[in-house]
Amino acid sequence: MTLRKFIRHQTRRLLNSNICSNLISSTLCNYIRMVQKTTKWKIEGLENFINIKDTGAVCIAWHGRAVMLPVFFKTEYCDLYALVSPHRDGQLIAKLLKNFGIKTIDGSSNENASSAALELMRTLQKDNTSIFIVPDGPRGPRMRLGKSPIYYAHKTGKPIVTMTYSIANSFVIEKAWDKMMIPVPFSKGIFNISEPIYIPQDSSPEQLEEYRKKIEKDFNETCMRIDKELEMIPVIPDEDKPKVKKHR
């Protein structure tokens, strides 16, 4: 084994260790709390989350704006479960969410998807329980709504609630597929919670698709509106279809 491979191997082992993941999740948690406490927030629609506390909801957010969401989840109102990947990155996120009182369900859109979907459905059917889904993750397309939130809301009768935020002077990772927004402390921010969106259980497939399009459109318009209000360059949704790599 060459020195370079040895260093890479040891680095991977270190990153996979519980000690390292605990340290990273603790550091992220402290940073998120610092940003939350030092930001001058304008909260839009907090009453919407309070109003569904007795029933629960399907909560959704875009991948690029998920960093600050844990501090706004009012877990005293309801049990909240988030879908996370069973792999290293997902387990790191699970530890981070645990610090905020959020439970997790292992699963992803690529592996173990069926069992994760069943577990989400069983969880959501309980009283006073909500689930949190990032519908454009883990690979995009950015800010495009998949069918799963519509499916869960349609089958259970629980509403969809969209959640998003923007923070002035945030650093946006332009090269990332999701245009991840990295918040900075001591700034101004807006946090928005939509009104509960109910999907009638007698909806036809065509009507479900119309609901999906409208929720996606309204959600993205909200994101761009609060970006502009904070003088941030609005993040634009990606193409409707995932980009396919061209083989040479």
Foldseek 3Di string as FASTA:
>chain_A
DDPVVVVVVVVVVQLQDPVNLLVVLVVLLVQLVQQVVQAAEDEADLVQLLVCLFAAAAEEEAPQFDSNPLVSDPCVSAAEEEEFEPDSVRVSVQSNSVVSVHHYDHDDPPPPPVVSLVVQLVQNLDTSYYYYYNQQDDQGQALAHDLSRLVSLLVRQHFYKYKGKDWAPWQFPVVHNHRHTHHDHNTYMYIYIDHTHHDHNPDDPVVSVVVRVVVSVVNLVVQQVRCVVSPHHGDDGDDNDDDDDDDD
